[in-house]
Amino acid sequence: MKLYVGNLCYTMTETDLANLFTSYGSVLRVSLITDYYTRQSKCFGYVQMADRKQGYCAIRDLHGTRIIDRLLVVKEAQPKDVGYCHPW
């Protein structure tokens, strides 16, 4: 299950993010989104959990919790929007 994690602080690392979710189960992959040029965090990322049940437990427990003076947004990741396609 892939989770979106938003409203992260700029100092959060992928390791910190993985450690936050490992107490809920096996973390397969962590991706912290950064600016292409500056490499500074865009304050959101994705965590892929091995099991759906573990992912839902993480959402239930972590959404709205305060981490370094920020309230986390944790929800199931949605597929990327492909945008509008012109009919011609």
N, C-alpha and C. Protein backbone atom coordinates (compact mmCIF):
# COMPACT_ATOMS: atom_id res chain seq x y z
N MET A 1 0.85 -1.18 0.00
CA MET A 1 0.00 0.00 0.00
C MET A 1 0.89 1.23 0.00
N LYS A 2 0.61 2.16 -0.89
CA LYS A 2 1.40 3.38 -0.99
C LYS A 2 0.68 4.51 -0.26
N LEU A 3 1.41 5.19 0.63
CA LEU A 3 0.85 6.27 1.44
C LEU A 3 1.47 7.60 1.06
N TYR A 4 0.66 8.63 1.04
CA TYR A 4 1.13 10.00 0.88
C TYR A 4 1.35 10.57 2.28
N VAL A 5 2.49 11.22 2.49
CA VAL A 5 2.77 11.84 3.78
C VAL A 5 3.12 13.30 3.51
N GLY A 6 2.30 14.21 4.00
CA GLY A 6 2.49 15.62 3.73
C GLY A 6 2.71 16.44 4.98
N ASN A 7 3.07 17.71 4.76
CA ASN A 7 3.34 18.69 5.80
C ASN A 7 4.54 18.28 6.66
N LEU A 8 5.55 17.72 6.01
CA LEU A 8 6.78 17.35 6.70
C LEU A 8 7.65 18.59 6.90
N CYS A 9 8.53 18.54 7.88
CA CYS A 9 9.46 19.65 8.07
C CYS A 9 10.61 19.50 7.06
N TYR A 10 11.30 20.60 6.79
CA TYR A 10 12.39 20.60 5.81
C TYR A 10 13.55 19.71 6.21
N THR A 11 13.71 19.47 7.50
CA THR A 11 14.86 18.69 7.98
C THR A 11 14.62 17.19 7.98
N MET A 12 13.39 16.76 7.68
CA MET A 12 13.05 15.33 7.67
C MET A 12 13.81 14.62 6.55
N THR A 13 14.41 13.48 6.87
CA THR A 13 15.12 12.68 5.88
C THR A 13 14.31 11.42 5.56
N GLU A 14 14.71 10.72 4.50
CA GLU A 14 14.04 9.46 4.16
C GLU A 14 14.20 8.44 5.28
N THR A 15 15.34 8.44 5.94
CA THR A 15 15.57 7.54 7.06
C THR A 15 14.62 7.86 8.21
N ASP A 16 14.46 9.15 8.52
CA ASP A 16 13.52 9.56 9.58
C ASP A 16 12.10 9.12 9.25
N LEU A 17 11.72 9.30 7.98
CA LEU A 17 10.39 8.93 7.54
C LEU A 17 10.18 7.41 7.64
N ALA A 18 11.18 6.65 7.23
CA ALA A 18 11.09 5.19 7.32
C ALA A 18 10.97 4.75 8.78
N ASN A 19 11.76 5.35 9.66
CA ASN A 19 11.72 5.01 11.08
C ASN A 19 10.36 5.30 11.70
N LEU A 20 9.70 6.35 11.22
CA LEU A 20 8.39 6.71 11.73
C LEU A 20 7.35 5.64 11.41
N PHE A 21 7.49 4.98 10.26
CA PHE A 21 6.49 4.01 9.82
C PHE A 21 6.85 2.56 10.14
N THR A 22 8.08 2.25 10.48
CA THR A 22 8.46 0.85 10.73
C THR A 22 7.77 0.26 11.94
N SER A 23 7.31 1.08 12.85
CA SER A 23 6.60 0.53 14.01
C SER A 23 5.22 -0.02 13.62
N TYR A 24 4.76 0.29 12.41
CA TYR A 24 3.47 -0.22 11.93
C TYR A 24 3.60 -1.42 11.01
N GLY A 25 4.82 -1.76 10.64
CA GLY A 25 5.03 -2.92 9.79
C GLY A 25 6.21 -2.73 8.86
N SER A 26 6.29 -3.59 7.89
CA SER A 26 7.41 -3.59 6.95
C SER A 26 7.28 -2.46 5.93
N VAL A 27 8.29 -1.61 5.89
CA VAL A 27 8.34 -0.51 4.92
C VAL A 27 9.16 -0.97 3.74
N LEU A 28 8.55 -0.99 2.56
CA LEU A 28 9.24 -1.44 1.36
C LEU A 28 10.05 -0.34 0.69
N ARG A 29 9.50 0.87 0.70
CA ARG A 29 10.16 1.97 -0.01
C ARG A 29 9.74 3.31 0.58
N VAL A 30 10.68 4.24 0.62
CA VAL A 30 10.40 5.60 1.07
C VAL A 30 10.96 6.55 0.03
N SER A 31 10.16 7.55 -0.31
CA SER A 31 10.59 8.54 -1.29
C SER A 31 10.22 9.92 -0.79
N LEU A 32 11.22 10.74 -0.52
CA LEU A 32 11.00 12.11 -0.10
C LEU A 32 11.17 12.99 -1.34
N ILE A 33 10.19 13.81 -1.65
CA ILE A 33 10.20 14.61 -2.87
C ILE A 33 11.00 15.89 -2.63
N THR A 34 11.95 16.15 -3.53
CA THR A 34 12.82 17.31 -3.41
C THR A 34 12.77 18.15 -4.69
N ASP A 35 13.15 19.41 -4.57
CA ASP A 35 13.23 20.30 -5.72
C ASP A 35 14.36 19.85 -6.64
N TYR A 36 14.12 19.87 -7.93
CA TYR A 36 15.08 19.38 -8.91
C TYR A 36 16.40 20.15 -8.85
N TYR A 37 16.34 21.47 -8.69
CA TYR A 37 17.55 22.30 -8.74
C TYR A 37 18.22 22.48 -7.38
N THR A 38 17.43 22.76 -6.35
CA THR A 38 18.02 23.05 -5.04
C THR A 38 18.19 21.83 -4.17
N ARG A 39 17.50 20.73 -4.51
CA ARG A 39 17.50 19.48 -3.72
C ARG A 39 16.90 19.67 -2.33
N GLN A 40 16.21 20.80 -2.11
CA GLN A 40 15.53 21.03 -0.85
C GLN A 40 14.21 20.28 -0.85
N SER A 41 13.83 19.79 0.31
CA SER A 41 12.60 19.03 0.46
C SER A 41 11.39 19.89 0.08
N LYS A 42 10.42 19.25 -0.58
CA LYS A 42 9.15 19.91 -0.87
C LYS A 42 8.13 19.61 0.22
N CYS A 43 8.58 19.02 1.30
CA CYS A 43 7.78 18.76 2.51
C CYS A 43 6.69 17.71 2.33
N PHE A 44 6.89 16.80 1.37
CA PHE A 44 5.99 15.66 1.27
C PHE A 44 6.74 14.50 0.66
N GLY A 45 6.18 13.32 0.85
CA GLY A 45 6.82 12.12 0.33
C GLY A 45 5.84 10.96 0.30
N TYR A 46 6.38 9.80 -0.03
CA TYR A 46 5.57 8.59 -0.14
C TYR A 46 6.23 7.46 0.62
N VAL A 47 5.42 6.63 1.25
CA VAL A 47 5.89 5.46 1.97
C VAL A 47 5.10 4.27 1.45
N GLN A 48 5.81 3.23 1.05
CA GLN A 48 5.13 2.02 0.59
C GLN A 48 5.26 0.95 1.66
N MET A 49 4.08 0.53 2.16
CA MET A 49 4.02 -0.50 3.20
C MET A 49 3.77 -1.86 2.54
N ALA A 50 4.23 -2.92 3.18
CA ALA A 50 4.09 -4.26 2.63
C ALA A 50 2.66 -4.77 2.68
N ASP A 51 1.90 -4.29 3.65
CA ASP A 51 0.55 -4.83 3.87
C ASP A 51 -0.46 -3.70 3.99
N ARG A 52 -1.64 -3.88 3.40
CA ARG A 52 -2.70 -2.86 3.47
C ARG A 52 -3.16 -2.59 4.89
N LYS A 53 -3.31 -3.64 5.67
CA LYS A 53 -3.76 -3.48 7.05
C LYS A 53 -2.78 -2.62 7.85
N GLN A 54 -1.49 -2.85 7.66
CA GLN A 54 -0.47 -2.04 8.32
C GLN A 54 -0.54 -0.58 7.87
N GLY A 55 -0.80 -0.39 6.59
CA GLY A 55 -0.93 0.97 6.05
C GLY A 55 -2.11 1.71 6.66
N TYR A 56 -3.24 1.03 6.77
CA TYR A 56 -4.41 1.67 7.37
C TYR A 56 -4.19 1.98 8.85
N CYS A 57 -3.47 1.14 9.54
CA CYS A 57 -3.14 1.41 10.95
C CYS A 57 -2.24 2.64 11.06
N ALA A 58 -1.29 2.77 10.14
CA ALA A 58 -0.40 3.94 10.14
C ALA A 58 -1.19 5.21 9.86
N ILE A 59 -2.12 5.15 8.90
CA ILE A 59 -2.97 6.31 8.59
C ILE A 59 -3.77 6.70 9.83
N ARG A 60 -4.41 5.73 10.44
CA ARG A 60 -5.25 5.98 11.62
C ARG A 60 -4.45 6.64 12.75
N ASP A 61 -3.24 6.15 13.00
CA ASP A 61 -2.47 6.63 14.14
C ASP A 61 -1.64 7.88 13.85
N LEU A 62 -1.15 8.06 12.63
CA LEU A 62 -0.22 9.15 12.35
C LEU A 62 -0.86 10.40 11.76
N HIS A 63 -2.00 10.26 11.09
CA HIS A 63 -2.64 11.43 10.49
C HIS A 63 -3.04 12.42 11.60
N GLY A 64 -2.55 13.64 11.47
CA GLY A 64 -2.87 14.68 12.47
C GLY A 64 -1.93 14.73 13.65
N THR A 65 -0.95 13.84 13.70
CA THR A 65 0.01 13.90 14.82
C THR A 65 1.03 15.00 14.58
N ARG A 66 1.53 15.55 15.65
CA ARG A 66 2.48 16.65 15.57
C ARG A 66 3.91 16.11 15.58
N ILE A 67 4.64 16.40 14.51
CA ILE A 67 6.06 16.04 14.40
C ILE A 67 6.84 17.32 14.13
N ILE A 68 7.69 17.70 15.05
CA ILE A 68 8.49 18.93 14.95
C ILE A 68 7.60 20.12 14.57
N ASP A 69 6.59 20.37 15.36
CA ASP A 69 5.66 21.51 15.22
C ASP A 69 4.87 21.54 13.93
N ARG A 70 4.68 20.39 13.29
CA ARG A 70 3.84 20.32 12.10
C ARG A 70 2.87 19.15 12.24
N LEU A 71 1.63 19.35 11.83
CA LEU A 71 0.65 18.28 11.86
C LEU A 71 0.74 17.48 10.57
N LEU A 72 1.05 16.20 10.71
CA LEU A 72 1.22 15.35 9.54
C LEU A 72 -0.10 15.10 8.82
N VAL A 73 -0.01 14.97 7.50
CA VAL A 73 -1.12 14.53 6.67
C VAL A 73 -0.70 13.16 6.14
N VAL A 74 -1.44 12.14 6.51
CA VAL A 74 -1.14 10.78 6.05
C VAL A 74 -2.41 10.20 5.46
N LYS A 75 -2.32 9.81 4.19
CA LYS A 75 -3.48 9.22 3.52
C LYS A 75 -3.01 8.29 2.42
N GLU A 76 -3.94 7.50 1.91
CA GLU A 76 -3.59 6.59 0.83
C GLU A 76 -3.27 7.41 -0.42
N ALA A 77 -2.16 7.08 -1.06
CA ALA A 77 -1.74 7.80 -2.25
C ALA A 77 -2.70 7.52 -3.40
N GLN A 78 -2.98 8.54 -4.18
CA GLN A 78 -3.85 8.42 -5.34
C GLN A 78 -2.99 8.31 -6.60
N PRO A 79 -3.51 7.66 -7.63
CA PRO A 79 -2.75 7.59 -8.89
C PRO A 79 -2.50 8.98 -9.45
N LYS A 80 -1.40 9.12 -10.14
CA LYS A 80 -1.04 10.39 -10.74
C LYS A 80 -2.07 10.79 -11.80
N ASP A 81 -2.51 12.04 -11.76
CA ASP A 81 -3.47 12.54 -12.72
C ASP A 81 -2.77 12.76 -14.05
N VAL A 82 -3.32 12.20 -15.11
CA VAL A 82 -2.67 12.32 -16.43
C VAL A 82 -3.04 13.63 -17.11
N GLY A 83 -3.95 14.37 -16.56
CA GLY A 83 -4.31 15.67 -17.12
C GLY A 83 -5.38 15.58 -18.19
N TYR A 84 -5.66 16.72 -18.74
CA TYR A 84 -6.72 16.81 -19.75
C TYR A 84 -6.18 16.41 -21.12
N CYS A 85 -6.95 15.65 -21.84
CA CYS A 85 -6.56 15.21 -23.17
C CYS A 85 -7.47 15.88 -24.19
N HIS A 86 -6.91 16.63 -25.12
CA HIS A 86 -7.70 17.30 -26.15
C HIS A 86 -8.34 16.27 -27.08
N PRO A 87 -9.57 16.52 -27.52
CA PRO A 87 -10.25 15.56 -28.38
C PRO A 87 -9.69 15.48 -29.79
N TRP A 88 -8.81 16.40 -30.20
CA TRP A 88 -8.25 16.35 -31.55
C TRP A 88 -6.88 15.86 -31.54
